[in-house]
Protein backbone atom coordinates (compact mmCIF):
# COMPACT_ATOMS: atom_id res chain seq x y z
CA MET A 1 10.49 -10.46 -4.05
CA GLN A 2 11.88 -6.75 -4.10
CA LEU A 3 10.89 -5.55 -0.93
CA ILE A 4 10.28 -1.84 0.19
CA THR A 5 9.57 0.07 3.95
CA PHE A 6 7.50 2.99 4.37
CA GLU A 7 7.75 4.43 7.31
CA LEU A 8 4.15 6.11 8.36
CA ASP A 9 4.62 9.87 9.87
CA ARG A 10 0.64 9.69 11.32
CA ASP A 11 -1.88 6.96 12.69
CA PHE A 12 -2.38 5.62 9.13
CA VAL A 13 -2.48 5.72 4.88
CA GLU A 14 -5.40 5.57 2.96
CA LEU A 15 -4.33 2.65 0.64
CA ASN A 16 -4.52 4.78 -2.71
CA GLN A 17 -1.92 7.11 -1.55
CA LEU A 18 0.60 4.06 -0.08
CA LEU A 19 0.79 3.26 -3.45
CA LYS A 20 1.48 6.68 -4.86
CA LEU A 21 4.20 7.33 -2.15
CA THR A 22 6.01 4.78 -2.59
CA GLY A 23 6.42 5.12 -6.29
CA LEU A 24 4.11 1.93 -7.66
CA CYS A 25 2.24 4.59 -9.34
CA ASP A 26 2.03 8.28 -10.72
CA SER A 27 -1.01 9.71 -8.60
CA GLY A 28 -3.38 8.64 -5.32
CA GLY A 29 -6.22 7.75 -9.25
CA ALA A 30 -3.68 5.56 -10.71
CA GLY A 31 -3.14 4.23 -7.23
CA LYS A 32 -7.21 3.68 -6.91
CA GLN A 33 -7.61 2.34 -10.30
CA LEU A 34 -4.78 -0.88 -9.18
CA VAL A 35 -6.62 -1.35 -6.22
CA ALA A 36 -10.12 -1.68 -8.06
CA SER A 37 -7.38 -3.92 -10.71
CA GLY A 38 -8.13 -6.99 -7.73
CA VAL A 39 -4.07 -7.20 -7.61
CA VAL A 40 -4.06 -5.05 -4.48
CA ARG A 41 -3.42 -7.53 -1.38
CA VAL A 42 -2.91 -7.07 2.25
CA ASP A 43 -1.87 -8.84 4.87
CA GLY A 44 -2.44 -11.82 2.09
CA THR A 45 -5.69 -11.00 1.43
CA VAL A 46 -7.24 -9.48 -1.52
CA GLU A 47 -7.73 -5.34 -0.95
CA LEU A 48 -10.59 -3.45 -3.08
CA ARG A 49 -10.85 -0.77 -0.81
CA LYS A 50 -9.57 2.46 -2.53
CA THR A 51 -9.00 3.91 0.36
CA CYS A 52 -8.44 1.57 3.22
CA LYS A 53 -6.48 2.89 6.52
CA ILE A 54 -3.23 0.88 5.93
CA HIS A 55 -1.07 0.77 9.74
CA ALA A 56 2.31 -0.13 10.66
CA GLY A 57 3.00 -3.54 11.26
CA GLN A 58 0.46 -4.21 8.06
CA ARG A 59 2.14 -5.57 5.21
CA VAL A 60 0.59 -4.82 0.81
CA THR A 61 2.12 -6.76 -1.58
CA ILE A 62 1.76 -6.32 -5.52
CA ASP A 63 2.81 -9.12 -8.11
CA ASP A 64 6.29 -9.83 -6.63
CA ILE A 65 6.69 -5.56 -4.77
CA GLY A 66 6.76 -6.03 -0.90
CA ILE A 67 5.47 -2.93 1.02
CA GLU A 68 6.06 -3.05 4.09
CA VAL A 69 4.60 -0.59 6.63
CA VAL A 70 6.60 0.64 9.96
CA ALA A 71 6.10 3.15 12.63
CA PRO A 72 9.19 5.43 13.05
CA ASP A 73 12.24 4.20 15.13
């Protein structure tokens, strides 16, 4: 599995924006479509809420790509 580490510089990031900021899609709108398709998981559970708040410590996965959301050091 490819692992991407995303350093969160605020309280949370919306799921569709996280997908955009990590380069997994070109825009927030494309991120919303990806979430709606049912392939995005948050902490192992399918997530269909496009603007779900993602906090440090959570993991988002799409197929064989994982995004580890971490707090800044």
